[in-house]
Amino acid sequence: MLRVNPTEFFASLGLDLVVVILLAFLLFYRRHRDREMAISIAAINITLWALTGALASYTLSLGVGFALFAVISVIRLRSATASWVSMAYLLVGLGSGLVIGLTGFDLLEKAAYSGFLVAVMAIVDARFMMPKREQLSTKLALPGSNIDPDYLREKVVELLNVEPLDITVKGVAGDPLETKLEIKYRKRNG
């Protein structure tokens, strides 16, 4: 077991907290207004930082690291409702927590790697890179079991008076027979 240097420990913790504040709250939350995901990014980052630091204090096999990532991958499987952008922020949070929690690197190296991850996320999610078009989503249940795309599009336009961008059939249920849809759309002009 390795002994933890208190100065190194608190410097690493401080760096990780700065990264969490920048990534989860100043970037993600201000841009996407998803409180739950911002808290998740922060909590998972801090947890991974602590786990990495604790596990690095012991001589463990590479298999433990792979097992840790296998457990973490379950997060994506269990969070089907999270957007890909949210998952990208979460991945950056995971990566920076892991890098900062590792022992054997000096604080400058940890700051460089985690700063790079946060900077890339800030740039690729900036409006000047790809302006965000207003896209809304809703769920709808139509009577019957017709899943013809043209029919569904026509019914969505008729009922919601919107421009459908994507219509996904989520299922057909019986009694009463209905088709459940998830619709991504833009409001119509005028």
C-alpha atoms as a PDB file:
ATOM      1  CA  MET A   1       0.000   0.000   0.000  1.00  0.00           C
ATOM      2  CA  LEU A   2       1.310   3.424  -0.927  1.00  0.00           C
ATOM      3  CA  ARG A   3       1.036   6.343   1.452  1.00  0.00           C
ATOM      4  CA  VAL A   4      -0.861   9.368   0.182  1.00  0.00           C
ATOM      5  CA  ASN A   5       0.931  12.705   0.220  1.00  0.00           C
ATOM      6  CA  PRO A   6      -1.620  15.179   1.685  1.00  0.00           C
ATOM      7  CA  THR A   7      -0.390  18.056  -0.498  1.00  0.00           C
ATOM      8  CA  GLU A   8      -0.708  15.947  -3.645  1.00  0.00           C
ATOM      9  CA  PHE A   9      -4.091  14.617  -2.519  1.00  0.00           C
ATOM     10  CA  PHE A  10      -5.640  18.049  -1.913  1.00  0.00           C
ATOM     11  CA  ALA A  11      -4.068  19.549  -5.052  1.00  0.00           C
ATOM     12  CA  SER A  12      -5.559  16.694  -7.086  1.00  0.00           C
ATOM     13  CA  LEU A  13      -8.937  17.111  -5.380  1.00  0.00           C
ATOM     14  CA  GLY A  14      -8.862  20.868  -6.035  1.00  0.00           C
ATOM     15  CA  LEU A  15      -8.068  20.300  -9.717  1.00  0.00           C
ATOM     16  CA  ASP A  16     -10.895  17.781 -10.026  1.00  0.00           C
ATOM     17  CA  LEU A  17     -13.364  20.162  -8.375  1.00  0.00           C
ATOM     18  CA  VAL A  18     -12.354  22.925 -10.807  1.00  0.00           C
ATOM     19  CA  VAL A  19     -12.894  20.519 -13.720  1.00  0.00           C
ATOM     20  CA  VAL A  20     -16.303  19.467 -12.351  1.00  0.00           C
ATOM     21  CA  ILE A  21     -17.438  23.069 -11.907  1.00  0.00           C
ATOM     22  CA  LEU A  22     -16.301  24.002 -15.426  1.00  0.00           C
ATOM     23  CA  LEU A  23     -17.674  20.906 -17.141  1.00  0.00           C
ATOM     24  CA  ALA A  24     -20.897  20.084 -15.312  1.00  0.00           C
ATOM     25  CA  PHE A  25     -22.112  23.491 -14.226  1.00  0.00           C
ATOM     26  CA  LEU A  26     -20.548  26.273 -16.302  1.00  0.00           C
ATOM     27  CA  LEU A  27     -20.621  24.388 -19.616  1.00  0.00           C
ATOM     28  CA  PHE A  28     -23.220  21.616 -19.525  1.00  0.00           C
ATOM     29  CA  TYR A  29     -25.879  23.071 -17.226  1.00  0.00           C
ATOM     30  CA  ARG A  30     -25.735  26.599 -18.660  1.00  0.00           C
ATOM     31  CA  ARG A  31     -26.053  25.252 -22.208  1.00  0.00           C
ATOM     32  CA  HIS A  32     -28.534  22.405 -21.737  1.00  0.00           C
ATOM     33  CA  ARG A  33     -30.416  23.227 -18.493  1.00  0.00           C
ATOM     34  CA  ASP A  34     -30.536  19.567 -17.414  1.00  0.00           C
ATOM     35  CA  ARG A  35     -30.065  19.654 -13.646  1.00  0.00           C
ATOM     36  CA  GLU A  36     -30.167  15.885 -13.167  1.00  0.00           C
ATOM     37  CA  MET A  37     -27.488  15.202 -15.763  1.00  0.00           C
ATOM     38  CA  ALA A  38     -25.270  18.024 -14.414  1.00  0.00           C
ATOM     39  CA  ILE A  39     -25.457  16.483 -10.957  1.00  0.00           C
ATOM     40  CA  SER A  40     -24.780  13.034 -12.429  1.00  0.00           C
ATOM     41  CA  ILE A  41     -21.709  14.279 -14.308  1.00  0.00           C
ATOM     42  CA  ALA A  42     -20.357  15.873 -11.130  1.00  0.00           C
ATOM     43  CA  ALA A  43     -21.135  12.907  -8.866  1.00  0.00           C
ATOM     44  CA  ILE A  44     -19.740  10.303 -11.244  1.00  0.00           C
ATOM     45  CA  ASN A  45     -16.601  12.371 -11.845  1.00  0.00           C
ATOM     46  CA  ILE A  46     -15.899  12.794  -8.137  1.00  0.00           C
ATOM     47  CA  THR A  47     -16.670   9.123  -7.468  1.00  0.00           C
ATOM     48  CA  LEU A  48     -14.343   7.969 -10.221  1.00  0.00           C
ATOM     49  CA  TRP A  49     -11.620  10.349  -8.979  1.00  0.00           C
ATOM     50  CA  ALA A  50     -11.920   8.850  -5.484  1.00  0.00           C
ATOM     51  CA  LEU A  51     -12.036   5.248  -6.743  1.00  0.00           C
ATOM     52  CA  THR A  52      -9.045   5.766  -9.021  1.00  0.00           C
ATOM     53  CA  GLY A  53      -7.022   7.361  -6.254  1.00  0.00           C
ATOM     54  CA  ALA A  54      -7.964   4.650  -3.768  1.00  0.00           C
ATOM     55  CA  LEU A  55      -7.289   1.799  -6.217  1.00  0.00           C
ATOM     56  CA  ALA A  56      -3.993   3.373  -7.302  1.00  0.00           C
ATOM     57  CA  SER A  57      -2.822   3.145  -3.695  1.00  0.00           C
ATOM     58  CA  TYR A  58      -2.760  -0.638  -4.014  1.00  0.00           C
ATOM     59  CA  THR A  59      -0.962  -2.919  -6.418  1.00  0.00           C
ATOM     60  CA  LEU A  60      -3.786  -4.214  -8.610  1.00  0.00           C
ATOM     61  CA  SER A  61      -3.938  -5.936 -11.948  1.00  0.00           C
ATOM     62  CA  LEU A  62      -4.977  -4.316 -15.185  1.00  0.00           C
ATOM     63  CA  GLY A  63      -8.110  -6.478 -14.985  1.00  0.00           C
ATOM     64  CA  VAL A  64      -9.433  -4.330 -12.141  1.00  0.00           C
ATOM     65  CA  GLY A  65      -9.283  -1.290 -14.424  1.00  0.00           C
ATOM     66  CA  PHE A  66     -11.183  -3.100 -17.156  1.00  0.00           C
ATOM     67  CA  ALA A  67     -13.754  -4.280 -14.616  1.00  0.00           C
ATOM     68  CA  LEU A  68     -14.223  -0.671 -13.490  1.00  0.00           C
ATOM     69  CA  PHE A  69     -14.937   0.429 -17.068  1.00  0.00           C
ATOM     70  CA  ALA A  70     -17.294  -2.530 -17.564  1.00  0.00           C
ATOM     71  CA  VAL A  71     -19.309  -1.371 -14.564  1.00  0.00           C
ATOM     72  CA  ILE A  72     -19.268   2.196 -15.853  1.00  0.00           C
ATOM     73  CA  SER A  73     -20.524   1.072 -19.278  1.00  0.00           C
ATOM     74  CA  VAL A  74     -23.702  -0.140 -17.593  1.00  0.00           C
ATOM     75  CA  ILE A  75     -24.499   3.543 -16.999  1.00  0.00           C
ATOM     76  CA  ARG A  76     -25.053   4.038 -20.740  1.00  0.00           C
ATOM     77  CA  LEU A  77     -27.138   0.891 -21.034  1.00  0.00           C
ATOM     78  CA  ARG A  78     -29.397   2.006 -18.192  1.00  0.00           C
ATOM     79  CA  SER A  79     -29.789   5.592 -19.393  1.00  0.00           C
ATOM     80  CA  ALA A  80     -31.632   5.238 -22.673  1.00  0.00           C
ATOM     81  CA  THR A  81     -33.288   8.620 -22.237  1.00  0.00           C
ATOM     82  CA  ALA A  82     -30.017  10.566 -22.023  1.00  0.00           C
ATOM     83  CA  SER A  83     -28.992  12.357 -25.201  1.00  0.00           C
ATOM     84  CA  TRP A  84     -25.708  11.694 -26.954  1.00  0.00           C
ATOM     85  CA  VAL A  85     -24.510  15.169 -26.009  1.00  0.00           C
ATOM     86  CA  SER A  86     -25.248  14.438 -22.344  1.00  0.00           C
ATOM     87  CA  MET A  87     -23.386  11.138 -22.639  1.00  0.00           C
ATOM     88  CA  ALA A  88     -20.413  12.949 -24.224  1.00  0.00           C
ATOM     89  CA  TYR A  89     -20.232  15.314 -21.246  1.00  0.00           C
ATOM     90  CA  LEU A  90     -20.510  12.320 -18.935  1.00  0.00           C
ATOM     91  CA  LEU A  91     -17.658  10.589 -20.754  1.00  0.00           C
ATOM     92  CA  VAL A  92     -15.460  13.691 -20.430  1.00  0.00           C
ATOM     93  CA  GLY A  93     -16.352  13.773 -16.723  1.00  0.00           C
ATOM     94  CA  LEU A  94     -15.416  10.096 -16.401  1.00  0.00           C
ATOM     95  CA  GLY A  95     -12.162  10.561 -18.288  1.00  0.00           C
ATOM     96  CA  SER A  96     -11.068  13.618 -16.344  1.00  0.00           C
ATOM     97  CA  GLY A  97     -11.954  11.999 -13.007  1.00  0.00           C
ATOM     98  CA  LEU A  98      -9.879   8.979 -13.985  1.00  0.00           C
ATOM     99  CA  VAL A  99      -6.891  11.022 -15.174  1.00  0.00           C
ATOM    100  CA  ILE A 100      -6.863  13.313 -12.146  1.00  0.00           C
ATOM    101  CA  GLY A 101      -7.290  10.389  -9.736  1.00  0.00           C
ATOM    102  CA  LEU A 102      -4.275   8.498 -11.089  1.00  0.00           C
ATOM    103  CA  THR A 103      -1.100   8.585  -9.064  1.00  0.00           C
ATOM    104  CA  GLY A 104       2.296   8.798 -10.687  1.00  0.00           C
ATOM    105  CA  PHE A 105       1.557  11.909 -12.742  1.00  0.00           C
ATOM    106  CA  ASP A 106       2.314  15.398 -11.576  1.00  0.00           C
ATOM    107  CA  LEU A 107      -0.425  17.974 -11.211  1.00  0.00           C
ATOM    108  CA  LEU A 108       0.621  19.805 -14.372  1.00  0.00           C
ATOM    109  CA  GLU A 109       0.169  16.663 -16.487  1.00  0.00           C
ATOM    110  CA  LYS A 110      -3.231  15.997 -14.912  1.00  0.00           C
ATOM    111  CA  ALA A 111      -4.266  19.614 -15.534  1.00  0.00           C
ATOM    112  CA  ALA A 112      -3.093  19.420 -19.152  1.00  0.00           C
ATOM    113  CA  TYR A 113      -5.043  16.234 -19.942  1.00  0.00           C
ATOM    114  CA  SER A 114      -8.230  17.204 -18.130  1.00  0.00           C
ATOM    115  CA  GLY A 115      -8.016  20.794 -19.407  1.00  0.00           C
ATOM    116  CA  PHE A 116      -7.712  19.445 -22.937  1.00  0.00           C
ATOM    117  CA  LEU A 117     -10.842  17.293 -22.465  1.00  0.00           C
ATOM    118  CA  VAL A 118     -12.885  20.187 -21.073  1.00  0.00           C
ATOM    119  CA  ALA A 119     -11.642  22.610 -23.757  1.00  0.00           C
ATOM    120  CA  VAL A 120     -12.545  20.195 -26.558  1.00  0.00           C
ATOM    121  CA  MET A 121     -16.031  19.751 -25.086  1.00  0.00           C
ATOM    122  CA  ALA A 122     -16.453  23.523 -24.762  1.00  0.00           C
ATOM    123  CA  ILE A 123     -15.493  24.002 -28.410  1.00  0.00           C
ATOM    124  CA  VAL A 124     -17.463  21.159 -30.000  1.00  0.00           C
ATOM    125  CA  ASP A 125     -20.625  22.063 -28.064  1.00  0.00           C
ATOM    126  CA  ALA A 126     -20.345  25.788 -28.821  1.00  0.00           C
ATOM    127  CA  ARG A 127     -23.082  27.382 -30.904  1.00  0.00           C
ATOM    128  CA  PHE A 128     -20.541  28.850 -33.349  1.00  0.00           C
ATOM    129  CA  MET A 129     -19.422  25.323 -34.310  1.00  0.00           C
ATOM    130  CA  MET A 130     -22.877  24.007 -35.141  1.00  0.00           C
ATOM    131  CA  PRO A 131     -25.776  26.357 -34.523  1.00  0.00           C
ATOM    132  CA  LYS A 132     -28.519  24.534 -32.685  1.00  0.00           C
ATOM    133  CA  ARG A 133     -31.839  24.471 -34.446  1.00  0.00           C
ATOM    134  CA  GLU A 134     -34.780  24.430 -32.121  1.00  0.00           C
ATOM    135  CA  GLN A 135     -35.907  20.835 -31.953  1.00  0.00           C
ATOM    136  CA  LEU A 136     -38.621  19.680 -29.612  1.00  0.00           C
ATOM    137  CA  SER A 137     -39.911  16.228 -28.811  1.00  0.00           C
ATOM    138  CA  THR A 138     -43.111  14.693 -27.560  1.00  0.00           C
ATOM    139  CA  LYS A 139     -44.839  11.355 -27.250  1.00  0.00           C
ATOM    140  CA  LEU A 140     -48.131  10.530 -28.874  1.00  0.00           C
ATOM    141  CA  ALA A 141     -50.480   7.545 -28.994  1.00  0.00           C
ATOM    142  CA  LEU A 142     -52.558   7.073 -32.144  1.00  0.00           C
ATOM    143  CA  PRO A 143     -55.546   4.751 -32.305  1.00  0.00           C
ATOM    144  CA  GLY A 144     -54.972   1.598 -34.378  1.00  0.00           C
ATOM    145  CA  SER A 145     -51.843  -0.198 -35.486  1.00  0.00           C
ATOM    146  CA  ASN A 146     -50.924   1.486 -38.768  1.00  0.00           C
ATOM    147  CA  ILE A 147     -47.140   2.042 -38.775  1.00  0.00           C
ATOM    148  CA  ASP A 148     -46.812   3.263 -42.356  1.00  0.00           C
ATOM    149  CA  PRO A 149     -44.373   6.232 -42.230  1.00  0.00           C
ATOM    150  CA  ASP A 150     -46.429   8.389 -44.610  1.00  0.00           C
ATOM    151  CA  TYR A 151     -49.611   7.780 -42.613  1.00  0.00           C
ATOM    152  CA  LEU A 152     -47.856   8.563 -39.322  1.00  0.00           C
ATOM    153  CA  ARG A 153     -46.350  11.767 -40.720  1.00  0.00           C
ATOM    154  CA  GLU A 154     -49.730  12.899 -42.041  1.00  0.00           C
ATOM    155  CA  LYS A 155     -51.448  12.209 -38.684  1.00  0.00           C
ATOM    156  CA  VAL A 156     -48.717  14.012 -36.701  1.00  0.00           C
ATOM    157  CA  VAL A 157     -48.978  17.089 -38.936  1.00  0.00           C
ATOM    158  CA  GLU A 158     -52.773  17.000 -38.696  1.00  0.00           C
ATOM    159  CA  LEU A 159     -52.913  16.595 -34.913  1.00  0.00           C
ATOM    160  CA  LEU A 160     -49.975  18.728 -33.788  1.00  0.00           C
ATOM    161  CA  ASN A 161     -49.535  21.210 -36.648  1.00  0.00           C
ATOM    162  CA  VAL A 162     -45.737  20.824 -36.517  1.00  0.00           C
ATOM    163  CA  GLU A 163     -42.931  19.896 -38.913  1.00  0.00           C
ATOM    164  CA  PRO A 164     -41.922  16.332 -37.931  1.00  0.00           C
ATOM    165  CA  LEU A 165     -38.178  15.698 -38.131  1.00  0.00           C
ATOM    166  CA  ASP A 166     -38.253  12.119 -36.877  1.00  0.00           C
ATOM    167  CA  ILE A 167     -41.089   9.774 -35.947  1.00  0.00           C
ATOM    168  CA  THR A 168     -40.155   6.627 -34.040  1.00  0.00           C
ATOM    169  CA  VAL A 169     -42.643   3.861 -33.345  1.00  0.00           C
ATOM    170  CA  LYS A 170     -42.083   2.885 -29.709  1.00  0.00           C
ATOM    171  CA  GLY A 171     -44.639   0.086 -29.702  1.00  0.00           C
ATOM    172  CA  VAL A 172     -48.098  -1.130 -30.538  1.00  0.00           C
ATOM    173  CA  ALA A 173     -50.310  -1.954 -27.569  1.00  0.00           C
ATOM    174  CA  GLY A 174     -53.682  -3.648 -27.443  1.00  0.00           C
ATOM    175  CA  ASP A 175     -56.972  -2.986 -25.669  1.00  0.00           C
ATOM    176  CA  PRO A 176     -57.470  -0.385 -26.924  1.00  0.00           C
ATOM    177  CA  LEU A 177     -55.231  -0.954 -29.928  1.00  0.00           C
ATOM    178  CA  GLU A 178     -52.877   2.012 -30.243  1.00  0.00           C
ATOM    179  CA  THR A 179     -49.516   2.921 -31.731  1.00  0.00           C
ATOM    180  CA  LYS A 180     -47.108   4.746 -29.411  1.00  0.00           C
ATOM    181  CA  LEU A 181     -44.812   7.272 -31.058  1.00  0.00           C
ATOM    182  CA  GLU A 182     -41.903   9.468 -30.125  1.00  0.00           C
ATOM    183  CA  ILE A 183     -41.770  12.564 -32.308  1.00  0.00           C
ATOM    184  CA  LYS A 184     -38.972  15.073 -32.820  1.00  0.00           C
ATOM    185  CA  TYR A 185     -40.250  18.203 -34.475  1.00  0.00           C
ATOM    186  CA  ARG A 186     -39.908  21.921 -35.149  1.00  0.00           C
ATOM    187  CA  LYS A 187     -42.694  24.428 -34.809  1.00  0.00           C
ATOM    188  CA  ARG A 188     -44.126  25.583 -38.092  1.00  0.00           C
ATOM    189  CA  ASN A 189     -43.691  29.173 -39.175  1.00  0.00           C
ATOM    190  CA  GLY A 190     -46.946  31.064 -39.108  1.00  0.00           C
END
